[in-house]
Amino acid sequence: MKGIDVLKFQLNGSFNLISERMERLTDEEWNTRAMPGTSKLGFILWHASRILDWTLNSAFQGAPEVADRAPWRERFPREAAYGAGIGDAVADRAIDSITRADGIAYLDDVKAAFMEWLGRQTDQTLDAVPPLKANQQARPGYLDPPVWAEVASLDGLPMWQILARPCVSHVRVHMGEHDVLYNALRAGAPSPRG
């Protein structure tokens, strides 16, 4: 077994975890907050999808993200970045701008691009250290202090470690968060939409 095989397994799992949760939500639950002071359920899944897109394209390649392509560039508020380091109102606008079906389609687009790229990688190529901070300069808002602070600790790390952190560990933390909130909502916790 090689390290790349473990990463492929884990990354495929990240996509599947997000997809399964998107599929089980209703359209109404997508844009619902399970409890006051928490993120809307759809936002948690959108953010997990965005972090995968951000890692592959912005962090590693300094390239436009899937979110920068049609139809997503017209739907995602630019100030929402990839969902990290933003305020609640911006997070709500991000999820208000798309439907659950949009979230599913976007995740599918990200997965196709991600897995195609990953299929070309080796243990050696994933040892490379991407110019993370320099790659963020192409996108307005990505170096704003609250947004950059969320990922600054990744600067200087090899790609395999970045994949293991936001794309594997971070996604799983958010899936746990989502599950707790989803179960609370289904159990009848107060659920203000706003």
Protein backbone atom coordinates (compact mmCIF):
# COMPACT_ATOMS: atom_id res chain seq x y z
CA MET A 1 0.00 0.00 0.00
CA LYS A 2 1.10 3.56 -0.72
CA GLY A 3 0.23 6.83 0.98
CA ILE A 4 -1.60 8.00 -2.15
CA ASP A 5 -3.93 5.00 -1.85
CA VAL A 6 -4.89 5.97 1.70
CA LEU A 7 -5.51 9.57 0.66
CA LYS A 8 -7.66 8.50 -2.31
CA PHE A 9 -9.73 6.30 -0.01
CA GLN A 10 -10.14 9.09 2.55
CA LEU A 11 -10.93 11.77 -0.02
CA ASN A 12 -13.50 9.63 -1.78
CA GLY A 13 -15.00 9.11 1.67
CA SER A 14 -15.18 12.88 2.22
CA PHE A 15 -17.18 13.32 -0.96
CA ASN A 16 -19.46 10.42 -0.06
CA LEU A 17 -20.09 11.74 3.46
CA ILE A 18 -21.16 15.12 2.10
CA SER A 19 -23.26 13.58 -0.66
CA GLU A 20 -25.10 11.23 1.68
CA ARG A 21 -26.11 14.13 3.92
CA MET A 22 -27.22 16.27 0.99
CA GLU A 23 -29.39 13.44 -0.27
CA ARG A 24 -31.11 12.83 3.06
CA LEU A 25 -32.00 16.47 3.73
CA THR A 26 -35.30 17.80 2.50
CA ASP A 27 -35.35 20.99 0.48
CA GLU A 28 -36.78 22.83 3.49
CA GLU A 29 -34.13 21.43 5.86
CA TRP A 30 -31.38 22.59 3.47
CA ASN A 31 -32.09 26.21 4.41
CA THR A 32 -32.97 25.61 8.07
CA ARG A 33 -31.08 26.35 11.25
CA ALA A 34 -31.56 23.51 13.76
CA MET A 35 -30.96 25.77 16.77
CA PRO A 36 -30.31 29.45 17.34
CA GLY A 37 -26.66 30.37 16.96
CA THR A 38 -25.80 27.50 14.61
CA SER A 39 -25.19 27.38 10.88
CA LYS A 40 -27.95 26.38 8.51
CA LEU A 41 -27.72 22.68 7.65
CA GLY A 42 -27.13 23.33 3.95
CA PHE A 43 -24.38 25.82 4.70
CA ILE A 44 -22.34 23.22 6.58
CA LEU A 45 -22.48 20.93 3.53
CA TRP A 46 -21.84 23.78 1.08
CA HIS A 47 -18.80 24.86 3.09
CA ALA A 48 -17.44 21.29 3.10
CA SER A 49 -17.85 21.19 -0.70
CA ARG A 50 -16.24 24.62 -1.08
CA ILE A 51 -13.23 23.66 1.05
CA LEU A 52 -12.54 20.72 -1.29
CA ASP A 53 -12.82 23.04 -4.31
CA TRP A 54 -10.64 25.67 -2.64
CA THR A 55 -7.93 23.17 -1.71
CA LEU A 56 -7.62 21.65 -5.16
CA ASN A 57 -7.80 24.80 -7.21
CA SER A 58 -6.89 27.86 -5.17
CA ALA A 59 -4.57 26.41 -2.53
CA PHE A 60 -2.66 23.99 -4.73
CA GLN A 61 -2.81 25.48 -8.22
CA GLY A 62 -3.64 29.16 -7.83
CA ALA A 63 -6.28 28.48 -10.46
CA PRO A 64 -9.95 29.40 -10.78
CA GLU A 65 -12.17 27.17 -8.70
CA VAL A 66 -15.17 25.19 -9.88
CA ALA A 67 -17.13 27.90 -8.03
CA ASP A 68 -15.71 30.42 -10.53
CA ARG A 69 -17.30 28.61 -13.47
CA ALA A 70 -20.84 28.88 -14.79
CA PRO A 71 -23.37 28.45 -13.30
CA TRP A 72 -21.77 28.71 -9.84
CA ARG A 73 -20.05 32.09 -10.21
CA GLU A 74 -23.46 33.75 -10.62
CA ARG A 75 -24.96 31.95 -7.62
CA PHE A 76 -22.32 32.07 -4.89
CA PRO A 77 -21.75 35.45 -3.25
CA ARG A 78 -18.09 36.34 -3.74
CA GLU A 79 -17.83 37.67 -0.18
CA ALA A 80 -18.68 34.18 1.11
CA ALA A 81 -15.24 33.01 -0.07
CA TYR A 82 -15.14 29.26 0.68
CA GLY A 83 -17.20 29.62 3.84
CA ALA A 84 -14.40 30.11 6.37
CA GLY A 85 -13.87 33.27 8.39
CA ILE A 86 -17.11 34.89 7.27
CA GLY A 87 -19.98 36.32 9.28
CA ASP A 88 -23.33 34.68 9.84
CA ALA A 89 -25.20 37.04 7.51
CA VAL A 90 -22.80 36.25 4.64
CA ALA A 91 -23.06 32.52 5.37
CA ASP A 92 -26.85 32.78 5.26
CA ARG A 93 -26.73 34.67 1.93
CA ALA A 94 -24.49 31.97 0.50
CA ILE A 95 -26.93 29.19 1.28
CA ASP A 96 -30.00 31.30 0.45
CA SER A 97 -28.56 31.71 -3.07
CA ILE A 98 -28.75 27.99 -3.96
CA THR A 99 -31.07 25.03 -3.60
CA ARG A 100 -30.25 21.58 -2.30
CA ALA A 101 -30.24 20.34 -5.91
CA ASP A 102 -27.67 23.04 -6.72
CA GLY A 103 -25.55 21.87 -3.77
CA ILE A 104 -25.65 18.30 -5.08
CA ALA A 105 -24.73 19.39 -8.62
CA TYR A 106 -21.90 21.59 -7.37
CA LEU A 107 -20.47 18.77 -5.25
CA ASP A 108 -20.60 16.47 -8.29
CA ASP A 109 -18.68 19.04 -10.37
CA VAL A 110 -16.05 19.45 -7.64
CA LYS A 111 -15.68 15.69 -7.22
CA ALA A 112 -15.16 15.15 -10.96
CA ALA A 113 -12.39 17.78 -11.09
CA PHE A 114 -10.83 16.62 -7.82
CA MET A 115 -10.70 12.93 -8.67
CA GLU A 116 -9.33 13.60 -12.15
CA TRP A 117 -6.50 15.64 -10.59
CA LEU A 118 -5.92 13.11 -7.81
CA GLY A 119 -5.66 10.30 -10.36
CA ARG A 120 -2.55 12.02 -11.79
CA GLN A 121 -0.78 12.38 -8.43
CA THR A 122 1.89 10.21 -6.82
CA ASP A 123 3.40 10.04 -3.36
CA GLN A 124 6.21 12.20 -4.74
CA THR A 125 4.05 14.92 -6.29
CA LEU A 126 2.04 15.18 -3.07
CA ASP A 127 5.26 15.94 -1.14
CA ALA A 128 5.41 19.31 -2.95
CA VAL A 129 4.75 22.46 -0.91
CA PRO A 130 2.34 24.75 -2.78
CA PRO A 131 2.76 28.55 -2.57
CA LEU A 132 -0.45 28.76 -0.55
CA LYS A 133 -0.43 32.42 0.41
CA ALA A 134 0.70 33.57 -3.04
CA ASN A 135 -2.04 31.46 -4.61
CA GLN A 136 -4.68 33.27 -2.52
CA GLN A 137 -3.82 36.66 -4.02
CA ALA A 138 -5.77 35.94 -7.20
CA ARG A 139 -9.09 35.89 -5.34
CA PRO A 140 -10.47 39.01 -3.61
CA GLY A 141 -11.21 38.39 0.04
CA TYR A 142 -9.11 35.26 0.45
CA LEU A 143 -6.38 37.18 2.24
CA ASP A 144 -8.76 39.21 4.40
CA PRO A 145 -7.52 38.63 7.95
CA PRO A 146 -10.49 36.54 9.23
CA VAL A 147 -10.50 34.33 6.12
CA TRP A 148 -6.72 33.89 5.91
CA ALA A 149 -6.54 33.17 9.66
CA GLU A 150 -8.62 30.03 9.10
CA VAL A 151 -6.01 28.49 6.78
CA ALA A 152 -2.73 30.29 7.59
CA SER A 153 -1.44 27.28 9.56
CA LEU A 154 -1.45 25.28 6.31
CA ASP A 155 1.05 27.60 4.63
CA GLY A 156 4.38 25.80 4.14
CA LEU A 157 2.94 22.28 4.44
CA PRO A 158 3.18 19.62 1.72
CA MET A 159 0.06 18.90 -0.31
CA TRP A 160 -0.54 15.53 1.34
CA GLN A 161 -0.82 17.18 4.76
CA ILE A 162 -3.17 19.86 3.43
CA LEU A 163 -5.34 17.14 1.90
CA ALA A 164 -5.40 15.28 5.21
CA ARG A 165 -6.40 18.36 7.19
CA PRO A 166 -9.14 20.42 5.47
CA CYS A 167 -10.23 17.75 2.98
CA VAL A 168 -10.35 14.79 5.35
CA SER A 169 -10.29 15.81 9.02
CA HIS A 170 -12.08 19.15 8.64
CA VAL A 171 -14.80 17.63 6.48
CA ARG A 172 -15.39 14.89 9.06
CA VAL A 173 -15.62 17.40 11.91
CA HIS A 174 -18.29 19.27 9.96
CA MET A 175 -20.13 16.05 9.17
CA GLY A 176 -20.30 15.36 12.93
CA GLU A 177 -21.58 18.90 13.49
CA HIS A 178 -24.16 18.41 10.75
CA ASP A 179 -25.32 15.09 12.20
CA VAL A 180 -25.83 16.54 15.67
CA LEU A 181 -27.84 19.46 14.29
CA TYR A 182 -29.78 17.28 11.85
CA ASN A 183 -30.74 14.86 14.63
CA ALA A 184 -31.74 17.75 16.89
CA LEU A 185 -33.91 19.17 14.13
CA ARG A 186 -35.55 15.81 13.48
CA ALA A 187 -36.11 15.35 17.22
CA GLY A 188 -38.10 18.56 17.30
CA ALA A 189 -35.65 21.17 18.48
CA PRO A 190 -36.80 24.74 17.81
CA SER A 191 -35.76 25.59 14.26
CA PRO A 192 -35.98 29.25 13.28
CA ARG A 193 -35.36 29.61 9.55
CA GLY A 194 -33.73 33.02 9.94
